[in-house]
Amino acid sequence: MYGSVFIQCKFKNTNLSGSFLAGADFRSVSAENVNFSGADVRSANFSGLMMPLGPVSFDSKRINFSNAKMEKALLQRACLEGANFQGATLQGAYANSLTRWPAGFDPKAAGITVY
């Protein structure tokens, strides 16, 4: 559903794979074990997305954006250290210096504008 609002919601063990969520507002959402694989989240706002920290390192499957359409997504201040972006389309997405990425992930090479 275009433009859905999920501000400050908590998603845990949630399967949103293949969902049409373009333009959705996920600001300050708490996400743990969420599957967005193949979802259309173009122009969605993930600013301030939080993933819970634990005593162990992040599992790359905590939030799955594999093959997701993420063009023009807003990722400022998002904690994405455990995210899986394999095959995701990220051209034109925006992030800032406070956005946290998975180890080895190069946002600029993925087409994300970092300011």
Protein backbone atom coordinates (compact mmCIF):
# COMPACT_ATOMS: atom_id res chain seq x y z
CA MET A 1 0.00 0.00 0.00
CA TYR A 2 1.68 3.25 -1.12
CA GLY A 3 2.44 5.68 1.65
CA SER A 4 1.58 3.43 4.60
CA VAL A 5 2.67 4.83 7.98
CA PHE A 6 4.49 2.65 10.53
CA ILE A 7 6.20 5.36 12.62
CA GLN A 8 7.71 3.96 15.85
CA CYS A 9 6.16 0.52 15.33
CA LYS A 10 7.93 -2.63 16.50
CA PHE A 11 8.43 -5.41 13.97
CA LYS A 12 9.72 -8.74 15.29
CA ASN A 13 9.83 -11.99 13.30
CA THR A 14 7.84 -10.31 10.53
CA ASN A 15 7.63 -11.48 6.90
CA LEU A 16 7.04 -8.59 4.51
CA SER A 17 8.67 -10.32 1.54
CA GLY A 18 7.20 -9.32 -1.79
CA SER A 19 5.10 -6.56 -0.22
CA PHE A 20 4.32 -3.31 -2.02
CA LEU A 21 5.36 -0.67 0.51
CA ALA A 22 6.62 2.10 -1.78
CA GLY A 23 6.54 5.47 -0.05
CA ALA A 24 5.91 3.87 3.36
CA ASP A 25 7.05 5.70 6.48
CA PHE A 26 9.15 3.46 8.75
CA ARG A 27 10.73 6.31 10.75
CA SER A 28 12.12 5.19 14.11
CA VAL A 29 10.80 1.66 13.67
CA SER A 30 12.32 -1.10 15.78
CA ALA A 31 13.06 -4.14 13.61
CA GLU A 32 14.27 -7.60 14.57
CA ASN A 33 14.24 -10.58 12.19
CA VAL A 34 12.25 -8.77 9.51
CA ASN A 35 12.14 -10.06 5.93
CA PHE A 36 11.74 -7.42 3.19
CA SER A 37 13.17 -9.71 0.48
CA GLY A 38 11.74 -8.81 -2.91
CA ALA A 39 9.63 -6.04 -1.39
CA ASP A 40 9.05 -2.77 -3.23
CA VAL A 41 10.09 -0.10 -0.72
CA ARG A 42 11.01 2.60 -3.24
CA SER A 43 10.92 6.08 -1.70
CA ALA A 44 10.22 4.57 1.73
CA ASN A 45 11.53 6.43 4.76
CA PHE A 46 13.68 4.23 7.04
CA SER A 47 15.28 7.18 8.88
CA GLY A 48 16.14 6.24 12.42
CA LEU A 49 15.43 2.52 11.89
CA MET A 50 16.64 0.66 14.97
CA MET A 51 17.83 -2.90 15.28
CA PRO A 52 18.27 -4.27 18.80
CA LEU A 53 21.81 -4.65 20.05
CA GLY A 54 22.74 -7.80 21.86
CA PRO A 55 25.79 -9.38 23.43
CA VAL A 56 26.64 -11.14 20.17
CA SER A 57 27.45 -9.69 16.79
CA PHE A 58 24.65 -9.00 14.33
CA ASP A 59 23.32 -11.87 12.27
CA SER A 60 23.04 -10.82 8.62
CA LYS A 61 19.52 -12.26 8.55
CA ARG A 62 18.12 -9.93 11.22
CA ILE A 63 16.69 -7.68 8.52
CA ASN A 64 16.58 -8.93 4.96
CA PHE A 65 16.41 -6.46 2.07
CA SER A 66 17.66 -9.00 -0.50
CA ASN A 67 16.32 -8.23 -3.98
CA ALA A 68 14.25 -5.36 -2.55
CA LYS A 69 13.56 -2.29 -4.68
CA MET A 70 14.91 0.53 -2.53
CA GLU A 71 15.41 3.37 -5.00
CA LYS A 72 15.13 6.78 -3.30
CA ALA A 73 14.71 5.19 0.15
CA LEU A 74 15.69 7.44 3.05
CA LEU A 75 18.18 5.72 5.34
CA GLN A 76 19.48 8.59 7.48
CA ARG A 77 20.48 7.59 11.04
CA ALA A 78 19.35 4.00 10.37
CA CYS A 79 21.08 1.14 12.16
CA LEU A 80 21.59 -1.38 9.36
CA GLU A 81 24.61 -3.27 10.70
CA GLY A 82 22.89 -6.64 10.42
CA ALA A 83 21.03 -6.00 7.18
CA ASN A 84 21.29 -8.15 4.06
CA PHE A 85 21.28 -6.03 0.88
CA GLN A 86 22.21 -8.81 -1.56
CA GLY A 87 20.62 -8.02 -4.92
CA ALA A 88 18.80 -4.94 -3.57
CA THR A 89 18.39 -1.94 -5.87
CA LEU A 90 19.62 1.10 -3.92
CA GLN A 91 20.33 3.72 -6.60
CA GLY A 92 19.20 7.16 -5.51
CA ALA A 93 18.73 6.18 -1.85
CA TYR A 94 19.94 8.69 0.76
CA ALA A 95 21.92 8.18 3.95
CA ASN A 96 24.07 10.32 6.22
CA SER A 97 27.21 9.88 8.28
CA LEU A 98 25.14 8.52 11.19
CA THR A 99 23.81 5.57 9.17
CA ARG A 100 25.44 2.32 10.30
CA TRP A 101 26.15 -0.32 7.64
CA PRO A 102 26.99 -4.03 7.59
CA ALA A 103 30.73 -4.77 7.72
CA GLY A 104 32.23 -4.48 4.24
CA PHE A 105 29.20 -2.79 2.70
CA ASP A 106 30.04 0.21 0.51
CA PRO A 107 26.97 2.47 0.29
CA LYS A 108 28.47 4.70 -2.40
CA ALA A 109 29.26 1.71 -4.61
CA ALA A 110 25.65 0.61 -4.14
CA GLY A 111 24.44 3.96 -5.53
CA ILE A 112 23.46 5.53 -2.19
CA THR A 113 24.07 9.25 -1.75
CA VAL A 114 25.77 9.79 1.61
CA TYR A 115 25.95 13.34 2.94
